């Protein structure tokens, strides 16, 4: 035993434990970072989809179903009770809403989506 009560065996075990935990902490931090990057990508997609939806709403060839769909999506976003997951409302707001928005944009006619892309190119 040394001066402070550590012998070489306990020191070796402590160092081995620290090495193993450092590796697992690194893996967990990497996994959390990957999940955050996915969430950021989802929200960037959501921002683009919101701009496209606003453009399509003002477009003269917008579909008839668009206004009711936007109203339902807005009500779903602002309603006080969560329909999908009442316990985990954050997941509902941060994951389900962007996916529903992307689904709604997917139903837009191709000419409206193409006009949005042309508008972005001509603005440069």
C-alpha atoms as a PDB file:
ATOM      1  CA  UNK A   1       0.000   0.000   0.000  1.00  0.00           C
ATOM      2  CA  UNK A   2       1.176   3.519  -0.729  1.00  0.00           C
ATOM      3  CA  UNK A   3       0.920   6.599   1.387  1.00  0.00           C
ATOM      4  CA  UNK A   4      -2.745   7.271   0.620  1.00  0.00           C
ATOM      5  CA  UNK A   5      -4.077   3.739   0.778  1.00  0.00           C
ATOM      6  CA  UNK A   6      -3.735   2.759  -2.891  1.00  0.00           C
ATOM      7  CA  UNK A   7      -1.872  -0.325  -3.923  1.00  0.00           C
ATOM      8  CA  UNK A   8      -0.815  -1.096  -7.467  1.00  0.00           C
ATOM      9  CA  UNK A   9      -3.680  -3.552  -8.056  1.00  0.00           C
ATOM     10  CA  UNK A  10      -6.395  -1.076  -7.078  1.00  0.00           C
ATOM     11  CA  UNK A  11      -4.706   1.644  -9.138  1.00  0.00           C
ATOM     12  CA  UNK A  12      -4.608  -0.672 -12.156  1.00  0.00           C
ATOM     13  CA  UNK A  13      -8.300  -1.497 -11.698  1.00  0.00           C
ATOM     14  CA  UNK A  14      -9.168   2.205 -11.404  1.00  0.00           C
ATOM     15  CA  UNK A  15      -7.250   3.067 -14.557  1.00  0.00           C
ATOM     16  CA  UNK A  16      -8.840   0.163 -16.437  1.00  0.00           C
ATOM     17  CA  UNK A  17     -12.311   1.290 -15.310  1.00  0.00           C
ATOM     18  CA  UNK A  18     -11.586   4.876 -16.405  1.00  0.00           C
ATOM     19  CA  UNK A  19     -10.398   3.697 -19.825  1.00  0.00           C
ATOM     20  CA  UNK A  20     -13.537   1.600 -20.345  1.00  0.00           C
ATOM     21  CA  UNK A  21     -15.872   4.375 -19.229  1.00  0.00           C
ATOM     22  CA  UNK A  22     -14.106   6.944 -21.385  1.00  0.00           C
ATOM     23  CA  UNK A  23     -14.689   4.731 -24.419  1.00  0.00           C
ATOM     24  CA  UNK A  24     -18.381   4.228 -23.608  1.00  0.00           C
ATOM     25  CA  UNK A  25     -18.816   7.959 -22.947  1.00  0.00           C
ATOM     26  CA  UNK A  26     -17.287   8.666 -26.337  1.00  0.00           C
ATOM     27  CA  UNK A  27     -19.672   6.236 -28.030  1.00  0.00           C
ATOM     28  CA  UNK A  28     -22.676   7.721 -26.254  1.00  0.00           C
ATOM     29  CA  UNK A  29     -21.603  11.252 -27.140  1.00  0.00           C
ATOM     30  CA  UNK A  30     -21.200  10.227 -30.780  1.00  0.00           C
ATOM     31  CA  UNK A  31     -24.675   8.660 -30.817  1.00  0.00           C
ATOM     32  CA  UNK A  32     -26.234  11.756 -29.261  1.00  0.00           C
ATOM     33  CA  UNK A  33     -24.460  13.970 -31.780  1.00  0.00           C
ATOM     34  CA  UNK A  34     -25.724  11.839 -34.679  1.00  0.00           C
ATOM     35  CA  UNK A  35     -29.285  12.066 -33.370  1.00  0.00           C
ATOM     36  CA  UNK A  36     -28.989  15.839 -33.018  1.00  0.00           C
ATOM     37  CA  UNK A  37     -27.697  16.108 -36.587  1.00  0.00           C
ATOM     38  CA  UNK A  38     -30.695  14.099 -37.803  1.00  0.00           C
ATOM     39  CA  UNK A  39     -33.052  16.387 -35.894  1.00  0.00           C
ATOM     40  CA  UNK A  40     -31.374  19.492 -37.361  1.00  0.00           C
ATOM     41  CA  UNK A  41     -31.696  18.039 -40.865  1.00  0.00           C
ATOM     42  CA  UNK A  42     -35.374  17.353 -40.215  1.00  0.00           C
ATOM     43  CA  UNK A  43     -35.933  20.954 -39.106  1.00  0.00           C
ATOM     44  CA  UNK A  44     -34.022  22.354 -42.102  1.00  0.00           C
ATOM     45  CA  UNK A  45     -36.280  20.266 -44.331  1.00  0.00           C
ATOM     46  CA  UNK A  46     -39.250  21.653 -42.409  1.00  0.00           C
ATOM     47  CA  UNK A  47     -38.152  25.250 -43.012  1.00  0.00           C
ATOM     48  CA  UNK A  48     -37.846  24.612 -46.759  1.00  0.00           C
ATOM     49  CA  UNK A  49     -41.233  22.890 -46.770  1.00  0.00           C
ATOM     50  CA  UNK A  50     -42.844  25.830 -44.953  1.00  0.00           C
ATOM     51  CA  UNK A  51     -41.501  28.252 -47.563  1.00  0.00           C
ATOM     52  CA  UNK A  52     -42.762  25.984 -50.337  1.00  0.00           C
ATOM     53  CA  UNK A  53     -46.175  25.669 -48.688  1.00  0.00           C
ATOM     54  CA  UNK A  54     -46.457  29.460 -48.317  1.00  0.00           C
ATOM     55  CA  UNK A  55     -45.500  29.883 -51.984  1.00  0.00           C
ATOM     56  CA  UNK A  56     -47.997  27.221 -53.046  1.00  0.00           C
ATOM     57  CA  UNK A  57     -50.729  28.855 -50.967  1.00  0.00           C
ATOM     58  CA  UNK A  58     -50.296  32.092 -52.936  1.00  0.00           C
ATOM     59  CA  UNK A  59     -49.852  30.324 -56.289  1.00  0.00           C
ATOM     60  CA  UNK A  60     -52.793  30.699 -58.739  1.00  0.00           C
ATOM     61  CA  UNK A  61     -52.815  26.950 -59.534  1.00  0.00           C
ATOM     62  CA  UNK A  62     -52.958  25.735 -55.944  1.00  0.00           C
ATOM     63  CA  UNK A  63     -55.082  22.634 -55.311  1.00  0.00           C
ATOM     64  CA  UNK A  64     -58.542  22.949 -53.788  1.00  0.00           C
ATOM     65  CA  UNK A  65     -57.653  20.751 -50.820  1.00  0.00           C
ATOM     66  CA  UNK A  66     -54.782  22.991 -49.762  1.00  0.00           C
ATOM     67  CA  UNK A  67     -56.635  25.480 -47.539  1.00  0.00           C
ATOM     68  CA  UNK A  68     -58.416  22.808 -45.447  1.00  0.00           C
ATOM     69  CA  UNK A  69     -55.180  20.824 -45.154  1.00  0.00           C
ATOM     70  CA  UNK A  70     -53.253  23.886 -43.943  1.00  0.00           C
ATOM     71  CA  UNK A  71     -56.001  24.677 -41.439  1.00  0.00           C
ATOM     72  CA  UNK A  72     -55.964  21.118 -40.084  1.00  0.00           C
ATOM     73  CA  UNK A  73     -52.161  21.143 -39.848  1.00  0.00           C
ATOM     74  CA  UNK A  74     -52.253  24.522 -38.073  1.00  0.00           C
ATOM     75  CA  UNK A  75     -54.890  23.300 -35.628  1.00  0.00           C
ATOM     76  CA  UNK A  76     -52.859  20.165 -35.013  1.00  0.00           C
ATOM     77  CA  UNK A  77     -49.780  22.284 -34.270  1.00  0.00           C
ATOM     78  CA  UNK A  78     -51.591  24.677 -31.916  1.00  0.00           C
ATOM     79  CA  UNK A  79     -54.093  22.428 -30.174  1.00  0.00           C
ATOM     80  CA  UNK A  80     -53.658  21.966 -26.419  1.00  0.00           C
ATOM     81  CA  UNK A  81     -54.166  18.186 -26.461  1.00  0.00           C
ATOM     82  CA  UNK A  82     -51.805  15.951 -28.357  1.00  0.00           C
ATOM     83  CA  UNK A  83     -53.608  13.396 -30.494  1.00  0.00           C
ATOM     84  CA  UNK A  84     -50.757  11.062 -31.339  1.00  0.00           C
ATOM     85  CA  UNK A  85     -48.806  10.867 -28.071  1.00  0.00           C
ATOM     86  CA  UNK A  86     -50.435  12.652 -25.141  1.00  0.00           C
ATOM     87  CA  UNK A  87     -47.589  11.843 -22.748  1.00  0.00           C
ATOM     88  CA  UNK A  88     -44.724  12.834 -25.014  1.00  0.00           C
ATOM     89  CA  UNK A  89     -45.913  16.082 -26.558  1.00  0.00           C
ATOM     90  CA  UNK A  90     -42.413  17.257 -27.405  1.00  0.00           C
ATOM     91  CA  UNK A  91     -41.860  14.304 -29.725  1.00  0.00           C
ATOM     92  CA  UNK A  92     -45.186  15.101 -31.334  1.00  0.00           C
ATOM     93  CA  UNK A  93     -44.249  18.730 -31.942  1.00  0.00           C
ATOM     94  CA  UNK A  94     -40.655  18.213 -33.021  1.00  0.00           C
ATOM     95  CA  UNK A  95     -40.921  15.035 -35.114  1.00  0.00           C
ATOM     96  CA  UNK A  96     -44.494  14.283 -36.171  1.00  0.00           C
ATOM     97  CA  UNK A  97     -45.333  17.824 -37.321  1.00  0.00           C
ATOM     98  CA  UNK A  98     -42.353  18.184 -39.680  1.00  0.00           C
ATOM     99  CA  UNK A  99     -43.081  14.755 -41.137  1.00  0.00           C
ATOM    100  CA  UNK A 100     -46.737  15.680 -41.706  1.00  0.00           C
ATOM    101  CA  UNK A 101     -45.647  18.939 -43.288  1.00  0.00           C
ATOM    102  CA  UNK A 102     -43.281  17.088 -45.612  1.00  0.00           C
ATOM    103  CA  UNK A 103     -46.082  14.660 -46.506  1.00  0.00           C
ATOM    104  CA  UNK A 104     -48.396  17.570 -47.312  1.00  0.00           C
ATOM    105  CA  UNK A 105     -45.750  19.155 -49.548  1.00  0.00           C
ATOM    106  CA  UNK A 106     -45.321  15.806 -51.288  1.00  0.00           C
ATOM    107  CA  UNK A 107     -48.948  15.968 -52.440  1.00  0.00           C
ATOM    108  CA  UNK A 108     -48.482  19.341 -54.146  1.00  0.00           C
ATOM    109  CA  UNK A 109     -48.685  19.355 -57.950  1.00  0.00           C
ATOM    110  CA  UNK A 110     -45.364  19.231 -59.780  1.00  0.00           C
ATOM    111  CA  UNK A 111     -45.938  22.538 -61.589  1.00  0.00           C
ATOM    112  CA  UNK A 112     -46.285  24.398 -58.272  1.00  0.00           C
ATOM    113  CA  UNK A 113     -43.123  22.768 -56.897  1.00  0.00           C
ATOM    114  CA  UNK A 114     -41.274  23.524 -60.141  1.00  0.00           C
ATOM    115  CA  UNK A 115     -42.407  27.164 -60.022  1.00  0.00           C
ATOM    116  CA  UNK A 116     -41.000  27.398 -56.492  1.00  0.00           C
ATOM    117  CA  UNK A 117     -37.672  26.073 -57.715  1.00  0.00           C
ATOM    118  CA  UNK A 118     -37.643  28.497 -60.673  1.00  0.00           C
ATOM    119  CA  UNK A 119     -38.437  31.399 -58.352  1.00  0.00           C
ATOM    120  CA  UNK A 120     -35.409  30.553 -56.235  1.00  0.00           C
ATOM    121  CA  UNK A 121     -33.148  30.345 -59.307  1.00  0.00           C
ATOM    122  CA  UNK A 122     -34.408  33.624 -60.814  1.00  0.00           C
ATOM    123  CA  UNK A 123     -33.916  35.474 -57.514  1.00  0.00           C
ATOM    124  CA  UNK A 124     -30.140  34.915 -57.658  1.00  0.00           C
END
